[in-house]
Amino acid sequence: ILDATTARSENLCERCAAPARLRRTRRLWLTL
């Protein structure tokens, strides 16, 4: 259950819930 949830987060914008990808453009990595 937890791994499936984590996997879904990898493609979901943490800010708006749109399709997204991992961004390593700042000190804090974000999926946006």
Full PDB file with SEQRES, HELIX, SHEET, SSBOND, CRYST1, ORIGX, SCALE, CONECT and MASTER records, all heavy atoms in Angstrom:
SEQRES   1 A   32  ILE LEU ASP ALA THR THR ALA ARG SER GLU ASN LEU CYS          
SEQRES   2 A   32  GLU ARG CYS ALA ALA PRO ALA ARG LEU ARG ARG THR ARG          
SEQRES   3 A   32  ARG LEU TRP LEU THR LEU                                      
HELIX    1 AA1 LEU A    2  SER A    9  1                                   8    
SHEET    1 AA1 2 LEU A  22  ARG A  23  0                                        
SHEET    2 AA1 2 LEU A  30  THR A  31 -1                                        
CRYST1    1.000    1.000    1.000  90.00  90.00  90.00 P 1           1          
ORIGX1      1.000000  0.000000  0.000000        0.00000                         
ORIGX2      0.000000  1.000000  0.000000        0.00000                         
ORIGX3      0.000000  0.000000  1.000000        0.00000                         
SCALE1      1.000000  0.000000  0.000000        0.00000                         
SCALE2      0.000000  1.000000  0.000000        0.00000                         
SCALE3      0.000000  0.000000  1.000000        0.00000                         
ATOM      1  N   ILE A   1       0.840  -1.211   0.000  1.00  0.00           N  
ATOM      2  CA  ILE A   1       0.000   0.000   0.000  1.00  0.00           C  
ATOM      3  C   ILE A   1       0.869   1.252   0.000  1.00  0.00           C  
ATOM      4  O   ILE A   1       0.665   2.179  -0.799  1.00  0.00           O  
ATOM      5  CB  ILE A   1      -0.954   0.000   1.208  1.00  0.00           C  
ATOM      6  CG1 ILE A   1      -1.978  -1.133   1.087  1.00  0.00           C  
ATOM      7  CG2 ILE A   1      -1.667   1.349   1.342  1.00  0.00           C  
ATOM      8  CD1 ILE A   1      -2.774  -1.383   2.352  1.00  0.00           C  
ATOM      9  N   LEU A   2       1.850   1.290   0.893  1.00  0.00           N  
ATOM     10  CA  LEU A   2       2.691   2.486   1.021  1.00  0.00           C  
ATOM     11  C   LEU A   2       3.561   2.704  -0.217  1.00  0.00           C  
ATOM     12  O   LEU A   2       3.715   3.844  -0.680  1.00  0.00           O  
ATOM     13  CB  LEU A   2       3.547   2.406   2.282  1.00  0.00           C  
ATOM     14  CG  LEU A   2       2.780   2.300   3.600  1.00  0.00           C  
ATOM     15  CD1 LEU A   2       3.740   2.273   4.778  1.00  0.00           C  
ATOM     16  CD2 LEU A   2       1.763   3.419   3.746  1.00  0.00           C  
ATOM     17  N   ASP A   3       4.110   1.635  -0.774  1.00  0.00           N  
ATOM     18  CA  ASP A   3       4.941   1.771  -1.972  1.00  0.00           C  
ATOM     19  C   ASP A   3       4.125   2.252  -3.164  1.00  0.00           C  
ATOM     20  O   ASP A   3       4.598   3.058  -3.970  1.00  0.00           O  
ATOM     21  CB  ASP A   3       5.636   0.453  -2.306  1.00  0.00           C  
ATOM     22  CG  ASP A   3       6.697   0.063  -1.283  1.00  0.00           C  
ATOM     23  OD1 ASP A   3       7.061   0.897  -0.426  1.00  0.00           O  
ATOM     24  OD2 ASP A   3       7.149  -1.102  -1.323  1.00  0.00           O  
ATOM     25  N   ALA A   4       2.883   1.776  -3.281  1.00  0.00           N  
ATOM     26  CA  ALA A   4       2.013   2.230  -4.374  1.00  0.00           C  
ATOM     27  C   ALA A   4       1.688   3.712  -4.227  1.00  0.00           C  
ATOM     28  O   ALA A   4       1.653   4.457  -5.212  1.00  0.00           O  
ATOM     29  CB  ALA A   4       0.728   1.406  -4.411  1.00  0.00           C  
ATOM     30  N   THR A   5       1.473   4.158  -3.004  1.00  0.00           N  
ATOM     31  CA  THR A   5       1.185   5.571  -2.753  1.00  0.00           C  
ATOM     32  C   THR A   5       2.399   6.424  -3.101  1.00  0.00           C  
ATOM     33  O   THR A   5       2.274   7.458  -3.766  1.00  0.00           O  
ATOM     34  CB  THR A   5       0.769   5.775  -1.283  1.00  0.00           C  
ATOM     35  OG1 THR A   5      -0.425   5.023  -1.044  1.00  0.00           O  
ATOM     36  CG2 THR A   5       0.525   7.238  -0.977  1.00  0.00           C  
ATOM     37  N   THR A   6       3.565   5.991  -2.672  1.00  0.00           N  
ATOM     38  CA  THR A   6       4.797   6.717  -2.987  1.00  0.00           C  
ATOM     39  C   THR A   6       4.992   6.793  -4.501  1.00  0.00           C  
ATOM     40  O   THR A   6       5.337   7.851  -5.041  1.00  0.00           O  
ATOM     41  CB  THR A   6       6.007   6.054  -2.312  1.00  0.00           C  
ATOM     42  OG1 THR A   6       5.823   6.108  -0.900  1.00  0.00           O  
ATOM     43  CG2 THR A   6       7.309   6.741  -2.690  1.00  0.00           C  
ATOM     44  N   ALA A   7       4.764   5.694  -5.188  1.00  0.00           N  
ATOM     45  CA  ALA A   7       4.921   5.675  -6.648  1.00  0.00           C  
ATOM     46  C   ALA A   7       3.974   6.665  -7.321  1.00  0.00           C  
ATOM     47  O   ALA A   7       4.366   7.345  -8.277  1.00  0.00           O  
ATOM     48  CB  ALA A   7       4.686   4.264  -7.180  1.00  0.00           C  
ATOM     49  N   ARG A   8       2.750   6.760  -6.845  1.00  0.00           N  
ATOM     50  CA  ARG A   8       1.800   7.724  -7.420  1.00  0.00           C  
ATOM     51  C   ARG A   8       2.279   9.157  -7.209  1.00  0.00           C  
ATOM     52  O   ARG A   8       2.088  10.014  -8.070  1.00  0.00           O  
ATOM     53  CB  ARG A   8       0.415   7.536  -6.809  1.00  0.00           C  
ATOM     54  CG  ARG A   8      -0.296   6.313  -7.353  1.00  0.00           C  
ATOM     55  CD  ARG A   8      -1.650   6.081  -6.735  1.00  0.00           C  
ATOM     56  NE  ARG A   8      -2.544   7.211  -6.864  1.00  0.00           N  
ATOM     57  CZ  ARG A   8      -3.596   7.419  -6.086  1.00  0.00           C  
ATOM     58  NH1 ARG A   8      -3.892   6.573  -5.127  1.00  0.00           N  
ATOM     59  NH2 ARG A   8      -4.363   8.476  -6.282  1.00  0.00           N  
ATOM     60  N   SER A   9       2.932   9.428  -6.083  1.00  0.00           N  
ATOM     61  CA  SER A   9       3.401  10.791  -5.800  1.00  0.00           C  
ATOM     62  C   SER A   9       4.504  11.229  -6.755  1.00  0.00           C  
ATOM     63  O   SER A   9       4.709  12.429  -6.955  1.00  0.00           O  
ATOM     64  CB  SER A   9       3.898  10.902  -4.354  1.00  0.00           C  
ATOM     65  OG  SER A   9       5.170  10.299  -4.176  1.00  0.00           O  
ATOM     66  N   GLU A  10       5.204  10.279  -7.351  1.00  0.00           N  
ATOM     67  CA  GLU A  10       6.324  10.607  -8.231  1.00  0.00           C  
ATOM     68  C   GLU A  10       5.888  11.277  -9.529  1.00  0.00           C  
ATOM     69  O   GLU A  10       6.726  11.823 -10.242  1.00  0.00           O  
ATOM     70  CB  GLU A  10       7.119   9.343  -8.543  1.00  0.00           C  
ATOM     71  CG  GLU A  10       7.820   8.777  -7.334  1.00  0.00           C  
ATOM     72  CD  GLU A  10       8.465   7.430  -7.587  1.00  0.00           C  
ATOM     73  OE1 GLU A  10       8.299   6.862  -8.687  1.00  0.00           O  
ATOM     74  OE2 GLU A  10       9.133   6.931  -6.660  1.00  0.00           O  
ATOM     75  N   ASN A  11       4.594  11.240  -9.832  1.00  0.00           N  
ATOM     76  CA  ASN A  11       4.080  11.838 -11.071  1.00  0.00           C  
ATOM     77  C   ASN A  11       2.939  12.810 -10.817  1.00  0.00           C  
ATOM     78  O   ASN A  11       2.176  13.106 -11.728  1.00  0.00           O  
ATOM     79  CB  ASN A  11       3.594  10.722 -12.009  1.00  0.00           C  
ATOM     80  CG  ASN A  11       4.719   9.789 -12.375  1.00  0.00           C  
ATOM     81  OD1 ASN A  11       5.716  10.198 -12.942  1.00  0.00           O  
ATOM     82  ND2 ASN A  11       4.581   8.534 -12.011  1.00  0.00           N  
ATOM     83  N   LEU A  12       2.824  13.299  -9.586  1.00  0.00           N  
ATOM     84  CA  LEU A  12       1.728  14.165  -9.191  1.00  0.00           C  
ATOM     85  C   LEU A  12       2.295  15.422  -8.546  1.00  0.00           C  
ATOM     86  O   LEU A  12       3.055  15.329  -7.577  1.00  0.00           O  
ATOM     87  CB  LEU A  12       0.841  13.416  -8.186  1.00  0.00           C  
ATOM     88  CG  LEU A  12      -0.474  14.028  -7.802  1.00  0.00           C  
ATOM     89  CD1 LEU A  12      -1.439  14.015  -8.993  1.00  0.00           C  
ATOM     90  CD2 LEU A  12      -1.083  13.254  -6.636  1.00  0.00           C  
ATOM     91  N   CYS A  13       1.941  16.581  -9.096  1.00  0.00           N  
ATOM     92  CA  CYS A  13       2.477  17.839  -8.577  1.00  0.00           C  
ATOM     93  C   CYS A  13       2.091  18.015  -7.111  1.00  0.00           C  
ATOM     94  O   CYS A  13       0.916  17.974  -6.754  1.00  0.00           O  
ATOM     95  CB  CYS A  13       1.950  19.011  -9.403  1.00  0.00           C  
ATOM     96  SG  CYS A  13       2.581  20.625  -8.855  1.00  0.00           S  
ATOM     97  N   GLU A  14       3.086  18.212  -6.289  1.00  0.00           N  
ATOM     98  CA  GLU A  14       2.851  18.391  -4.857  1.00  0.00           C  
ATOM     99  C   GLU A  14       2.100  19.681  -4.566  1.00  0.00           C  
ATOM    100  O   GLU A  14       1.427  19.795  -3.556  1.00  0.00           O  
ATOM    101  CB  GLU A  14       4.179  18.369  -4.102  1.00  0.00           C  
ATOM    102  CG  GLU A  14       4.005  18.395  -2.600  1.00  0.00           C  
ATOM    103  CD  GLU A  14       5.289  18.349  -1.811  1.00  0.00           C  
ATOM    104  OE1 GLU A  14       6.379  18.218  -2.412  1.00  0.00           O  
ATOM    105  OE2 GLU A  14       5.206  18.443  -0.580  1.00  0.00           O  
ATOM    106  N   ARG A  15       2.151  20.621  -5.466  1.00  0.00           N  
ATOM    107  CA  ARG A  15       1.499  21.917  -5.253  1.00  0.00           C  
ATOM    108  C   ARG A  15       0.070  21.958  -5.783  1.00  0.00           C  
ATOM    109  O   ARG A  15      -0.816  22.502  -5.155  1.00  0.00           O  
ATOM    110  CB  ARG A  15       2.324  23.022  -5.903  1.00  0.00           C  
ATOM    111  CG  ARG A  15       1.811  24.415  -5.639  1.00  0.00           C  
ATOM    112  CD  ARG A  15       2.858  25.437  -6.086  1.00  0.00           C  
ATOM    113  NE  ARG A  15       2.413  26.783  -5.824  1.00  0.00           N  
ATOM    114  CZ  ARG A  15       2.108  27.650  -6.772  1.00  0.00           C  
ATOM    115  NH1 ARG A  15       2.191  27.310  -8.056  1.00  0.00           N  
ATOM    116  NH2 ARG A  15       1.724  28.868  -6.458  1.00  0.00           N  
ATOM    117  N   CYS A  16      -0.200  21.358  -6.970  1.00  0.00           N  
ATOM    118  CA  CYS A  16      -1.532  21.516  -7.584  1.00  0.00           C  
ATOM    119  C   CYS A  16      -2.193  20.220  -8.028  1.00  0.00           C  
ATOM    120  O   CYS A  16      -3.327  20.244  -8.497  1.00  0.00           O  
ATOM    121  CB  CYS A  16      -1.447  22.487  -8.756  1.00  0.00           C  
ATOM    122  SG  CYS A  16      -0.715  21.762 -10.247  1.00  0.00           S  
ATOM    123  N   ALA A  17      -1.529  19.084  -7.936  1.00  0.00           N  
ATOM    124  CA  ALA A  17      -2.047  17.753  -8.290  1.00  0.00           C  
ATOM    125  C   ALA A  17      -2.092  17.478  -9.794  1.00  0.00           C  
ATOM    126  O   ALA A  17      -2.677  16.496 -10.222  1.00  0.00           O  
ATOM    127  CB  ALA A  17      -3.426  17.504  -7.667  1.00  0.00           C  
ATOM    128  N   ALA A  18      -1.460  18.307 -10.598  1.00  0.00           N  
ATOM    129  CA  ALA A  18      -1.374  18.054 -12.045  1.00  0.00           C  
ATOM    130  C   ALA A  18      -0.275  17.011 -12.309  1.00  0.00           C  
ATOM    131  O   ALA A  18       0.567  16.754 -11.448  1.00  0.00           O  
ATOM    132  CB  ALA A  18      -1.052  19.351 -12.779  1.00  0.00           C  
ATOM    133  N   PRO A  19      -0.260  16.418 -13.502  1.00  0.00           N  
ATOM    134  CA  PRO A  19       0.855  15.529 -13.849  1.00  0.00           C  
ATOM    135  C   PRO A  19       2.183  16.287 -13.709  1.00  0.00           C  
ATOM    136  O   PRO A  19       2.271  17.471 -14.056  1.00  0.00           O  
ATOM    137  CB  PRO A  19       0.574  15.161 -15.305  1.00  0.00           C  
ATOM    138  CG  PRO A  19      -0.909  15.304 -15.433  1.00  0.00           C  
ATOM    139  CD  PRO A  19      -1.268  16.478 -14.557  1.00  0.00           C  
ATOM    140  N   ALA A  20       3.199  15.611 -13.169  1.00  0.00           N  
ATOM    141  CA  ALA A  20       4.441  16.311 -12.824  1.00  0.00           C  
ATOM    142  C   ALA A  20       5.628  15.366 -12.917  1.00  0.00           C  
ATOM    143  O   ALA A  20       5.475  14.177 -13.197  1.00  0.00           O  
ATOM    144  CB  ALA A  20       4.316  16.864 -11.404  1.00  0.00           C  
ATOM    145  N   ARG A  21       6.792  15.939 -12.638  1.00  0.00           N  
ATOM    146  CA  ARG A  21       8.017  15.148 -12.582  1.00  0.00           C  
ATOM    147  C   ARG A  21       8.938  15.723 -11.510  1.00  0.00           C  
ATOM    148  O   ARG A  21       8.766  16.872 -11.078  1.00  0.00           O  
ATOM    149  CB  ARG A  21       8.719  15.109 -13.930  1.00  0.00           C  
ATOM    150  CG  ARG A  21       9.195  16.437 -14.445  1.00  0.00           C  
ATOM    151  CD  ARG A  21       9.793  16.294 -15.857  1.00  0.00           C  
ATOM    152  NE  ARG A  21      10.135  17.574 -16.419  1.00  0.00           N  
ATOM    153  CZ  ARG A  21      11.299  18.192 -16.229  1.00  0.00           C  
ATOM    154  NH1 ARG A  21      12.238  17.630 -15.498  1.00  0.00           N  
ATOM    155  NH2 ARG A  21      11.536  19.360 -16.789  1.00  0.00           N  
ATOM    156  N   LEU A  22       9.910  14.935 -11.099  1.00  0.00           N  
ATOM    157  CA  LEU A  22      10.863  15.360 -10.075  1.00  0.00           C  
ATOM    158  C   LEU A  22      11.704  16.512 -10.596  1.00  0.00           C  
ATOM    159  O   LEU A  22      12.228  16.460 -11.712  1.00  0.00           O  
ATOM    160  CB  LEU A  22      11.765  14.183  -9.676  1.00  0.00           C  
ATOM    161  CG  LEU A  22      12.829  14.490  -8.625  1.00  0.00           C  
ATOM    162  CD1 LEU A  22      12.200  14.894  -7.301  1.00  0.00           C  
ATOM    163  CD2 LEU A  22      13.722  13.274  -8.433  1.00  0.00           C  
ATOM    164  N   ARG A  23      11.835  17.553  -9.772  1.00  0.00           N  
ATOM    165  CA  ARG A  23      12.662  18.729 -10.112  1.00  0.00           C  
ATOM    166  C   ARG A  23      13.796  18.831  -9.092  1.00  0.00           C  
ATOM    167  O   ARG A  23      13.563  18.891  -7.896  1.00  0.00           O  
ATOM    168  CB  ARG A  23      11.835  20.014 -10.069  1.00  0.00           C  
ATOM    169  CG  ARG A  23      10.517  19.969 -10.821  1.00  0.00           C  
ATOM    170  CD  ARG A  23      10.722  19.837 -12.327  1.00  0.00           C  
ATOM    171  NE  ARG A  23       9.436  19.730 -12.990  1.00  0.00           N  
ATOM    172  CZ  ARG A  23       9.107  20.357 -14.099  1.00  0.00           C  
ATOM    173  NH1 ARG A  23       9.989  21.105 -14.730  1.00  0.00           N  
ATOM    174  NH2 ARG A  23       7.907  20.199 -14.627  1.00  0.00           N  
ATOM    175  N   ARG A  24      14.999  18.871  -9.599  1.00  0.00           N  
ATOM    176  CA  ARG A  24      16.176  19.020  -8.739  1.00  0.00           C  
ATOM    177  C   ARG A  24      16.809  20.386  -9.001  1.00  0.00           C  
ATOM    178  O   ARG A  24      18.028  20.508  -9.052  1.00  0.00           O  
ATOM    179  CB  ARG A  24      17.170  17.897  -9.019  1.00  0.00           C  
ATOM    180  CG  ARG A  24      16.630  16.533  -8.683  1.00  0.00           C  
ATOM    181  CD  ARG A  24      17.621  15.459  -9.008  1.00  0.00           C  
ATOM    182  NE  ARG A  24      17.055  14.147  -8.734  1.00  0.00           N  
ATOM    183  CZ  ARG A  24      17.544  13.021  -9.188  1.00  0.00           C  
ATOM    184  NH1 ARG A  24      18.609  13.022  -9.955  1.00  0.00           N  
ATOM    185  NH2 ARG A  24      16.967  11.892  -8.893  1.00  0.00           N  
ATOM    186  N   THR A  25      15.981  21.393  -9.145  1.00  0.00           N  
ATOM    187  CA  THR A  25      16.441  22.728  -9.527  1.00  0.00           C  
ATOM    188  C   THR A  25      16.663  23.649  -8.338  1.00  0.00           C  
ATOM    189  O   THR A  25      17.041  24.794  -8.522  1.00  0.00           O  
ATOM    190  CB  THR A  25      15.420  23.380 -10.475  1.00  0.00           C  
ATOM    191  OG1 THR A  25      14.133  23.353  -9.853  1.00  0.00           O  
ATOM    192  CG2 THR A  25      15.355  22.626 -11.800  1.00  0.00           C  
ATOM    193  N   ARG A  26      16.425  23.181  -7.146  1.00  0.00           N  
ATOM    194  CA  ARG A  26      16.622  23.980  -5.935  1.00  0.00           C  
ATOM    195  C   ARG A  26      17.144  23.056  -4.844  1.00  0.00           C  
ATOM    196  O   ARG A  26      17.188  21.844  -5.022  1.00  0.00           O  
ATOM    197  CB  ARG A  26      15.334  24.701  -5.541  1.00  0.00           C  
ATOM    198  CG  ARG A  26      14.125  23.806  -5.427  1.00  0.00           C  
ATOM    199  CD  ARG A  26      12.801  24.522  -5.219  1.00  0.00           C  
ATOM    200  NE  ARG A  26      12.324  25.404  -6.254  1.00  0.00           N  
ATOM    201  CZ  ARG A  26      11.804  25.010  -7.426  1.00  0.00           C  
ATOM    202  NH1 ARG A  26      11.719  23.734  -7.717  1.00  0.00           N  
ATOM    203  NH2 ARG A  26      11.372  25.888  -8.285  1.00  0.00           N  
ATOM    204  N   ARG A  27      17.497  23.625  -3.721  1.00  0.00           N  
ATOM    205  CA  ARG A  27      18.028  22.836  -2.601  1.00  0.00           C  
ATOM    206  C   ARG A  27      17.073  21.716  -2.196  1.00  0.00           C  
ATOM    207  O   ARG A  27      17.485  20.597  -1.921  1.00  0.00           O  
ATOM    208  CB  ARG A  27      18.277  23.769  -1.408  1.00  0.00           C  
ATOM    209  CG  ARG A  27      18.879  23.093  -0.209  1.00  0.00           C  
ATOM    210  CD  ARG A  27      19.014  24.043   0.980  1.00  0.00           C  
ATOM    211  NE  ARG A  27      17.747  24.615   1.393  1.00  0.00           N  
ATOM    212  CZ  ARG A  27      16.864  24.000   2.191  1.00  0.00           C  
ATOM    213  NH1 ARG A  27      17.117  22.795   2.641  1.00  0.00           N  
ATOM    214  NH2 ARG A  27      15.748  24.587   2.525  1.00  0.00           N  
ATOM    215  N   LEU A  28      15.777  21.991  -2.189  1.00  0.00           N  
ATOM    216  CA  LEU A  28      14.753  21.016  -1.837  1.00  0.00           C  
ATOM    217  C   LEU A  28      14.203  20.388  -3.109  1.00  0.00           C  
ATOM    218  O   LEU A  28      13.684  21.090  -3.971  1.00  0.00           O  
ATOM    219  CB  LEU A  28      13.625  21.726  -1.068  1.00  0.00           C  
ATOM    220  CG  LEU A  28      12.453  20.904  -0.593  1.00  0.00           C  
ATOM    221  CD1 LEU A  28      12.904  19.897   0.448  1.00  0.00           C  
ATOM    222  CD2 LEU A  28      11.395  21.829  -0.001  1.00  0.00           C  
ATOM    223  N   TRP A  29      14.351  19.079  -3.260  1.00  0.00           N  
ATOM    224  CA  TRP A  29      13.802  18.402  -4.434  1.00  0.00           C  
ATOM    225  C   TRP A  29      12.290  18.393  -4.328  1.00  0.00           C  
ATOM    226  O   TRP A  29      11.729  18.099  -3.268  1.00  0.00           O  
ATOM    227  CB  TRP A  29      14.290  16.974  -4.522  1.00  0.00           C  
ATOM    228  CG  TRP A  29      15.760  16.816  -4.774  1.00  0.00           C  
ATOM    229  CD1 TRP A  29      16.699  17.795  -4.856  1.00  0.00           C  
ATOM    230  CD2 TRP A  29      16.443  15.593  -4.968  1.00  0.00           C  
ATOM    231  NE1 TRP A  29      17.930  17.254  -5.092  1.00  0.00           N  
ATOM    232  CE2 TRP A  29      17.801  15.903  -5.162  1.00  0.00           C  
ATOM    233  CE3 TRP A  29      16.047  14.282  -4.993  1.00  0.00           C  
ATOM    234  CZ2 TRP A  29      18.761  14.926  -5.386  1.00  0.00           C  
ATOM    235  CZ3 TRP A  29      17.002  13.310  -5.216  1.00  0.00           C  
ATOM    236  CH2 TRP A  29      18.351  13.634  -5.414  1.00  0.00           C  
ATOM    237  N   LEU A  30      11.611  18.679  -5.424  1.00  0.00           N  
ATOM    238  CA  LEU A  30      10.151  18.725  -5.452  1.00  0.00           C  
ATOM    239  C   LEU A  30       9.619  18.041  -6.701  1.00  0.00           C  
ATOM    240  O   LEU A  30      10.268  18.061  -7.747  1.00  0.00           O  
ATOM    241  CB  LEU A  30       9.655  20.177  -5.449  1.00  0.00           C  
ATOM    242  CG  LEU A  30       9.990  21.017  -4.217  1.00  0.00           C  
ATOM    243  CD1 LEU A  30       9.675  22.481  -4.470  1.00  0.00           C  
ATOM    244  CD2 LEU A  30       9.238  20.506  -3.008  1.00  0.00           C  
ATOM    245  N   THR A  31       8.428  17.463  -6.606  1.00  0.00           N  
ATOM    246  CA  THR A  31       7.736  16.930  -7.771  1.00  0.00           C  
ATOM    247  C   THR A  31       6.706  17.976  -8.168  1.00  0.00           C  
ATOM    248  O   THR A  31       5.759  18.245  -7.418  1.00  0.00           O  
ATOM    249  CB  THR A  31       7.085  15.574  -7.458  1.00  0.00           C  
ATOM    250  OG1 THR A  31       8.131  14.665  -7.090  1.00  0.00           O  
ATOM    251  CG2 THR A  31       6.349  15.033  -8.664  1.00  0.00           C  
ATOM    252  N   LEU A  32       6.936  18.615  -9.319  1.00  0.00           N  
ATOM    253  CA  LEU A  32       6.110  19.739  -9.756  1.00  0.00           C  
ATOM    254  C   LEU A  32       5.768  19.631 -11.236  1.00  0.00           C  
ATOM    255  O   LEU A  32       6.527  19.062 -12.022  1.00  0.00           O  
ATOM    256  CB  LEU A  32       6.860  21.067  -9.534  1.00  0.00           C  
ATOM    257  CG  LEU A  32       7.277  21.419  -8.110  1.00  0.00           C  
ATOM    258  CD1 LEU A  32       8.209  22.621  -8.108  1.00  0.00           C  
ATOM    259  CD2 LEU A  32       6.055  21.671  -7.242  1.00  0.00           C  
TER     260      LEU A  32                                                      
MASTER        0    0    0    1    2    0    0    6  259    1    0    3          
END                                                                             
